[in-house]
Amino acid sequence: MTAAVASSHRPALTTVLAGALAALGCGLLSARPAVVASAGQPALALAIVFAALLTVGALVPLPALASPIVRSPRVTAITVAVGVGAFGAARVLVGGRAPARLTLPVVAANTLAAVAEEAWFRRLCFGLLAPVGSVFAVVGSATLFAFVHVSIYGFWILPLDLAAGVLLGWQRAVSGSWRAAAVTHAIGNIVVLL
């Protein structure tokens, strides 16, 4: 194989490897109940899982988009405001009791989980699906996001997490970055604790 042919296969190979990593990470997220049940220190095990997902999700090279979105701080701020407002409204509508007390370790764990999931779903998974189209990337990453939460909360969570995933994917598509979704998700996780 010539050097030119070998280098033309690198982007495809990189995308395949990134796709395989994305699938493994989604499997690991789905297996969280088993990780917690088998760990001697469940909080530490989850922190390691989320730290690894954050690192890999933020660093894996992605295919370049034909027309990248120009990032605007104003658009990012507006998308974050819309997202936080939507999470707040959902919290009021759904009601119920907070799943845990609002303590610094709980806030830190929920923030790490939110940022790691956004690096995973809105950077890595969205980035792998985006060459097909932004609508496909929004819906695909939202669907993956919703399904990995079924093992923890049950099937009743699908509509709620699908809606959250679409909102977070919309933020990613509009702002051009996964960071707006990460901020919204982190604040949304804390709002649930109120």
C-alpha atoms as a PDB file:
ATOM      1  CA  MET A   1       0.000   0.000   0.000  1.00  0.00           C
ATOM      2  CA  THR A   2       1.385   3.408  -0.925  1.00  0.00           C
ATOM      3  CA  ALA A   3       1.791   6.184   1.629  1.00  0.00           C
ATOM      4  CA  ALA A   4      -0.998   8.228  -0.022  1.00  0.00           C
ATOM      5  CA  VAL A   5      -3.451   5.314   0.145  1.00  0.00           C
ATOM      6  CA  ALA A   6      -2.455   4.501   3.737  1.00  0.00           C
ATOM      7  CA  SER A   7      -2.969   8.121   4.834  1.00  0.00           C
ATOM      8  CA  SER A   8      -6.381   8.254   3.116  1.00  0.00           C
ATOM      9  CA  HIS A   9      -7.484   5.298   5.283  1.00  0.00           C
ATOM     10  CA  ARG A  10      -6.415   6.968   8.558  1.00  0.00           C
ATOM     11  CA  PRO A  11      -9.492   9.205   8.926  1.00  0.00           C
ATOM     12  CA  ALA A  12     -11.791   6.227   8.305  1.00  0.00           C
ATOM     13  CA  LEU A  13      -9.839   4.067  10.758  1.00  0.00           C
ATOM     14  CA  THR A  14      -9.872   6.851  13.352  1.00  0.00           C
ATOM     15  CA  THR A  15     -13.649   7.176  12.947  1.00  0.00           C
ATOM     16  CA  VAL A  16     -14.141   3.419  13.304  1.00  0.00           C
ATOM     17  CA  LEU A  17     -11.995   3.336  16.448  1.00  0.00           C
ATOM     18  CA  ALA A  18     -13.838   6.359  17.874  1.00  0.00           C
ATOM     19  CA  GLY A  19     -17.131   4.610  17.098  1.00  0.00           C
ATOM     20  CA  ALA A  20     -15.972   1.473  18.875  1.00  0.00           C
ATOM     21  CA  LEU A  21     -14.947   3.557  21.898  1.00  0.00           C
ATOM     22  CA  ALA A  22     -18.342   5.305  21.849  1.00  0.00           C
ATOM     23  CA  ALA A  23     -20.112   1.943  21.871  1.00  0.00           C
ATOM     24  CA  LEU A  24     -17.926   0.663  24.730  1.00  0.00           C
ATOM     25  CA  GLY A  25     -18.597   3.806  26.745  1.00  0.00           C
ATOM     26  CA  CYS A  26     -22.352   3.534  26.206  1.00  0.00           C
ATOM     27  CA  GLY A  27     -22.145  -0.071  27.376  1.00  0.00           C
ATOM     28  CA  LEU A  28     -20.195   0.989  30.453  1.00  0.00           C
ATOM     29  CA  LEU A  29     -22.769   3.697  31.242  1.00  0.00           C
ATOM     30  CA  SER A  30     -25.547   1.136  30.878  1.00  0.00           C
ATOM     31  CA  ALA A  31     -23.678  -1.172  33.260  1.00  0.00           C
ATOM     32  CA  ARG A  32     -23.522   1.409  36.079  1.00  0.00           C
ATOM     33  CA  PRO A  33     -25.820  -0.593  38.373  1.00  0.00           C
ATOM     34  CA  ALA A  34     -23.505  -3.599  38.044  1.00  0.00           C
ATOM     35  CA  VAL A  35     -20.425  -1.412  38.618  1.00  0.00           C
ATOM     36  CA  VAL A  36     -21.970   0.011  41.796  1.00  0.00           C
ATOM     37  CA  ALA A  37     -23.103  -3.421  43.030  1.00  0.00           C
ATOM     38  CA  SER A  38     -19.699  -5.018  42.522  1.00  0.00           C
ATOM     39  CA  ALA A  39     -17.540  -2.184  43.834  1.00  0.00           C
ATOM     40  CA  GLY A  40     -16.267  -2.055  47.371  1.00  0.00           C
ATOM     41  CA  GLN A  41     -16.418   1.743  47.147  1.00  0.00           C
ATOM     42  CA  PRO A  42     -19.281   2.559  44.741  1.00  0.00           C
ATOM     43  CA  ALA A  43     -18.759   6.353  44.785  1.00  0.00           C
ATOM     44  CA  LEU A  44     -15.080   5.954  43.932  1.00  0.00           C
ATOM     45  CA  ALA A  45     -15.876   3.436  41.177  1.00  0.00           C
ATOM     46  CA  LEU A  46     -18.411   5.824  39.608  1.00  0.00           C
ATOM     47  CA  ALA A  47     -15.970   8.728  39.881  1.00  0.00           C
ATOM     48  CA  ILE A  48     -13.337   6.678  38.041  1.00  0.00           C
ATOM     49  CA  VAL A  49     -15.855   5.669  35.345  1.00  0.00           C
ATOM     50  CA  PHE A  50     -16.965   9.269  34.809  1.00  0.00           C
ATOM     51  CA  ALA A  51     -13.402  10.649  34.888  1.00  0.00           C
ATOM     52  CA  ALA A  52     -12.380   8.104  32.240  1.00  0.00           C
ATOM     53  CA  LEU A  53     -15.431   8.903  30.080  1.00  0.00           C
ATOM     54  CA  LEU A  54     -14.743  12.622  30.388  1.00  0.00           C
ATOM     55  CA  THR A  55     -11.099  12.203  29.398  1.00  0.00           C
ATOM     56  CA  VAL A  56     -11.757   9.904  26.450  1.00  0.00           C
ATOM     57  CA  GLY A  57     -14.873  11.776  25.330  1.00  0.00           C
ATOM     58  CA  ALA A  58     -13.028  15.095  25.307  1.00  0.00           C
ATOM     59  CA  LEU A  59      -9.843  13.880  23.607  1.00  0.00           C
ATOM     60  CA  VAL A  60     -10.783  11.346  20.903  1.00  0.00           C
ATOM     61  CA  PRO A  61     -10.230  12.863  17.455  1.00  0.00           C
ATOM     62  CA  LEU A  62     -13.420  13.331  15.438  1.00  0.00           C
ATOM     63  CA  PRO A  63     -14.047  13.620  11.715  1.00  0.00           C
ATOM     64  CA  ALA A  64     -13.959  17.210  10.449  1.00  0.00           C
ATOM     65  CA  LEU A  65     -17.298  18.726   9.485  1.00  0.00           C
ATOM     66  CA  ALA A  66     -17.741  20.099   5.967  1.00  0.00           C
ATOM     67  CA  SER A  67     -19.061  23.393   7.339  1.00  0.00           C
ATOM     68  CA  PRO A  68     -18.168  23.894  10.997  1.00  0.00           C
ATOM     69  CA  ILE A  69     -20.380  26.177  13.077  1.00  0.00           C
ATOM     70  CA  VAL A  70     -18.911  29.530  14.036  1.00  0.00           C
ATOM     71  CA  ARG A  71     -19.038  29.816  17.814  1.00  0.00           C
ATOM     72  CA  SER A  72     -20.575  32.920  19.305  1.00  0.00           C
ATOM     73  CA  PRO A  73     -20.455  33.637  23.045  1.00  0.00           C
ATOM     74  CA  ARG A  74     -23.857  35.342  22.785  1.00  0.00           C
ATOM     75  CA  VAL A  75     -25.483  32.322  21.105  1.00  0.00           C
ATOM     76  CA  THR A  76     -23.875  30.006  23.662  1.00  0.00           C
ATOM     77  CA  ALA A  77     -25.199  32.131  26.548  1.00  0.00           C
ATOM     78  CA  ILE A  78     -28.703  32.141  25.047  1.00  0.00           C
ATOM     79  CA  THR A  79     -28.678  28.369  24.529  1.00  0.00           C
ATOM     80  CA  VAL A  80     -27.533  27.830  28.126  1.00  0.00           C
ATOM     81  CA  ALA A  81     -30.286  30.139  29.412  1.00  0.00           C
ATOM     82  CA  VAL A  82     -32.927  28.285  27.377  1.00  0.00           C
ATOM     83  CA  GLY A  83     -31.605  24.928  28.575  1.00  0.00           C
ATOM     84  CA  VAL A  84     -31.450  25.876  32.258  1.00  0.00           C
ATOM     85  CA  GLY A  85     -34.955  27.358  31.989  1.00  0.00           C
ATOM     86  CA  ALA A  86     -36.229  24.126  30.450  1.00  0.00           C
ATOM     87  CA  PHE A  87     -34.611  21.987  33.161  1.00  0.00           C
ATOM     88  CA  GLY A  88     -36.069  24.269  35.839  1.00  0.00           C
ATOM     89  CA  ALA A  89     -39.546  24.086  34.298  1.00  0.00           C
ATOM     90  CA  ALA A  90     -39.293  20.289  34.035  1.00  0.00           C
ATOM     91  CA  ARG A  91     -38.298  20.065  37.704  1.00  0.00           C
ATOM     92  CA  VAL A  92     -41.359  22.100  38.699  1.00  0.00           C
ATOM     93  CA  LEU A  93     -43.679  20.074  36.436  1.00  0.00           C
ATOM     94  CA  VAL A  94     -42.354  16.656  37.477  1.00  0.00           C
ATOM     95  CA  GLY A  95     -42.175  17.584  41.157  1.00  0.00           C
ATOM     96  CA  GLY A  96     -41.368  14.854  43.628  1.00  0.00           C
ATOM     97  CA  ARG A  97     -38.668  14.648  46.237  1.00  0.00           C
ATOM     98  CA  ALA A  98     -35.001  15.227  45.611  1.00  0.00           C
ATOM     99  CA  PRO A  99     -33.152  11.885  45.200  1.00  0.00           C
ATOM    100  CA  ALA A 100     -30.347  12.976  47.546  1.00  0.00           C
ATOM    101  CA  ARG A 101     -29.475  15.742  49.976  1.00  0.00           C
ATOM    102  CA  LEU A 102     -27.706  18.773  48.550  1.00  0.00           C
ATOM    103  CA  THR A 103     -24.168  18.315  49.915  1.00  0.00           C
ATOM    104  CA  LEU A 104     -20.809  19.238  48.388  1.00  0.00           C
ATOM    105  CA  PRO A 105     -19.888  15.593  47.545  1.00  0.00           C
ATOM    106  CA  VAL A 106     -23.313  15.043  45.918  1.00  0.00           C
ATOM    107  CA  VAL A 107     -23.003  18.277  43.898  1.00  0.00           C
ATOM    108  CA  ALA A 108     -19.448  17.336  42.848  1.00  0.00           C
ATOM    109  CA  ALA A 109     -20.500  13.814  41.791  1.00  0.00           C
ATOM    110  CA  ASN A 110     -23.517  15.094  39.845  1.00  0.00           C
ATOM    111  CA  THR A 111     -21.415  17.770  38.141  1.00  0.00           C
ATOM    112  CA  LEU A 112     -18.728  15.259  37.154  1.00  0.00           C
ATOM    113  CA  ALA A 113     -21.397  12.886  35.816  1.00  0.00           C
ATOM    114  CA  ALA A 114     -23.070  15.661  33.798  1.00  0.00           C
ATOM    115  CA  VAL A 115     -19.861  16.988  32.250  1.00  0.00           C
ATOM    116  CA  ALA A 116     -18.604  13.468  31.490  1.00  0.00           C
ATOM    117  CA  GLU A 117     -21.917  12.501  29.841  1.00  0.00           C
ATOM    118  CA  GLU A 118     -21.843  15.655  27.727  1.00  0.00           C
ATOM    119  CA  ALA A 119     -18.264  15.033  26.616  1.00  0.00           C
ATOM    120  CA  TRP A 120     -19.412  11.540  25.739  1.00  0.00           C
ATOM    121  CA  PHE A 121     -22.767  12.182  24.089  1.00  0.00           C
ATOM    122  CA  ARG A 122     -22.580  15.742  22.774  1.00  0.00           C
ATOM    123  CA  ARG A 123     -18.916  15.742  21.790  1.00  0.00           C
ATOM    124  CA  LEU A 124     -17.987  12.167  20.908  1.00  0.00           C
ATOM    125  CA  CYS A 125     -21.285  10.583  19.821  1.00  0.00           C
ATOM    126  CA  PHE A 126     -22.672  13.797  18.294  1.00  0.00           C
ATOM    127  CA  GLY A 127     -19.352  14.394  16.522  1.00  0.00           C
ATOM    128  CA  LEU A 128     -19.368  10.905  15.043  1.00  0.00           C
ATOM    129  CA  LEU A 129     -22.968  11.299  13.822  1.00  0.00           C
ATOM    130  CA  ALA A 130     -22.692  14.935  12.640  1.00  0.00           C
ATOM    131  CA  PRO A 131     -21.246  14.154   9.178  1.00  0.00           C
ATOM    132  CA  VAL A 132     -24.627  12.555   8.352  1.00  0.00           C
ATOM    133  CA  GLY A 133     -26.420  15.744   9.423  1.00  0.00           C
ATOM    134  CA  SER A 134     -27.078  17.774  12.552  1.00  0.00           C
ATOM    135  CA  VAL A 135     -30.662  16.500  12.971  1.00  0.00           C
ATOM    136  CA  PHE A 136     -29.381  12.924  12.841  1.00  0.00           C
ATOM    137  CA  ALA A 137     -26.649  13.802  15.356  1.00  0.00           C
ATOM    138  CA  VAL A 138     -29.140  15.453  17.730  1.00  0.00           C
ATOM    139  CA  VAL A 139     -31.621  12.554  17.588  1.00  0.00           C
ATOM    140  CA  GLY A 140     -28.956   9.830  17.610  1.00  0.00           C
ATOM    141  CA  SER A 141     -27.014  11.207  20.560  1.00  0.00           C
ATOM    142  CA  ALA A 142     -30.290  11.887  22.434  1.00  0.00           C
ATOM    143  CA  THR A 143     -31.446   8.312  21.859  1.00  0.00           C
ATOM    144  CA  LEU A 144     -28.172   6.856  23.135  1.00  0.00           C
ATOM    145  CA  PHE A 145     -28.302   9.204  26.136  1.00  0.00           C
ATOM    146  CA  ALA A 146     -31.868   8.135  26.982  1.00  0.00           C
ATOM    147  CA  PHE A 147     -31.224   4.411  26.654  1.00  0.00           C
ATOM    148  CA  VAL A 148     -28.129   4.313  28.894  1.00  0.00           C
ATOM    149  CA  HIS A 149     -30.264   5.657  31.747  1.00  0.00           C
ATOM    150  CA  VAL A 150     -32.859   2.845  31.499  1.00  0.00           C
ATOM    151  CA  SER A 151     -30.694   0.442  33.512  1.00  0.00           C
ATOM    152  CA  ILE A 152     -30.685   2.905  36.408  1.00  0.00           C
ATOM    153  CA  TYR A 153     -34.195   4.385  36.367  1.00  0.00           C
ATOM    154  CA  GLY A 154     -36.277   2.004  34.250  1.00  0.00           C
ATOM    155  CA  PHE A 155     -38.149   2.542  31.004  1.00  0.00           C
ATOM    156  CA  TRP A 156     -40.334   5.305  32.444  1.00  0.00           C
ATOM    157  CA  ILE A 157     -37.304   7.638  32.120  1.00  0.00           C
ATOM    158  CA  LEU A 158     -37.064   7.282  28.326  1.00  0.00           C
ATOM    159  CA  PRO A 159     -39.384  10.163  27.348  1.00  0.00           C
ATOM    160  CA  LEU A 160     -37.848  12.522  29.908  1.00  0.00           C
ATOM    161  CA  ASP A 161     -34.255  11.679  29.023  1.00  0.00           C
ATOM    162  CA  LEU A 162     -35.016  11.714  25.304  1.00  0.00           C
ATOM    163  CA  ALA A 163     -36.422  15.249  25.684  1.00  0.00           C
ATOM    164  CA  ALA A 164     -33.384  16.282  27.736  1.00  0.00           C
ATOM    165  CA  GLY A 165     -31.074  14.697  25.164  1.00  0.00           C
ATOM    166  CA  VAL A 166     -32.766  16.531  22.285  1.00  0.00           C
ATOM    167  CA  LEU A 167     -32.462  19.825  24.171  1.00  0.00           C
ATOM    168  CA  LEU A 168     -28.785  19.195  24.943  1.00  0.00           C
ATOM    169  CA  GLY A 169     -28.154  18.082  21.354  1.00  0.00           C
ATOM    170  CA  TRP A 170     -29.876  21.221  20.057  1.00  0.00           C
ATOM    171  CA  GLN A 171     -27.550  23.265  22.251  1.00  0.00           C
ATOM    172  CA  ARG A 172     -24.565  21.417  20.770  1.00  0.00           C
ATOM    173  CA  ALA A 173     -25.774  21.964  17.214  1.00  0.00           C
ATOM    174  CA  VAL A 174     -26.576  25.654  17.688  1.00  0.00           C
ATOM    175  CA  SER A 175     -23.566  26.659  19.779  1.00  0.00           C
ATOM    176  CA  GLY A 176     -21.019  24.529  17.921  1.00  0.00           C
ATOM    177  CA  SER A 177     -19.635  23.179  21.191  1.00  0.00           C
ATOM    178  CA  TRP A 178     -20.518  20.544  23.750  1.00  0.00           C
ATOM    179  CA  ARG A 179     -19.684  22.957  26.582  1.00  0.00           C
ATOM    180  CA  ALA A 180     -23.074  24.726  26.532  1.00  0.00           C
ATOM    181  CA  ALA A 181     -24.764  21.354  27.003  1.00  0.00           C
ATOM    182  CA  ALA A 182     -22.288  20.483  29.787  1.00  0.00           C
ATOM    183  CA  VAL A 183     -23.090  23.666  31.708  1.00  0.00           C
ATOM    184  CA  THR A 184     -26.831  23.116  31.265  1.00  0.00           C
ATOM    185  CA  HIS A 185     -26.633  19.444  32.264  1.00  0.00           C
ATOM    186  CA  ALA A 186     -24.545  20.228  35.362  1.00  0.00           C
ATOM    187  CA  ILE A 187     -26.980  22.932  36.484  1.00  0.00           C
ATOM    188  CA  GLY A 188     -29.915  20.646  35.614  1.00  0.00           C
ATOM    189  CA  ASN A 189     -28.486  17.871  37.798  1.00  0.00           C
ATOM    190  CA  ILE A 190     -28.211  20.298  40.700  1.00  0.00           C
ATOM    191  CA  VAL A 191     -31.753  21.627  40.108  1.00  0.00           C
ATOM    192  CA  VAL A 192     -33.033  18.044  40.498  1.00  0.00           C
ATOM    193  CA  LEU A 193     -31.480  18.014  43.980  1.00  0.00           C
ATOM    194  CA  LEU A 194     -33.490  21.038  45.120  1.00  0.00           C
END
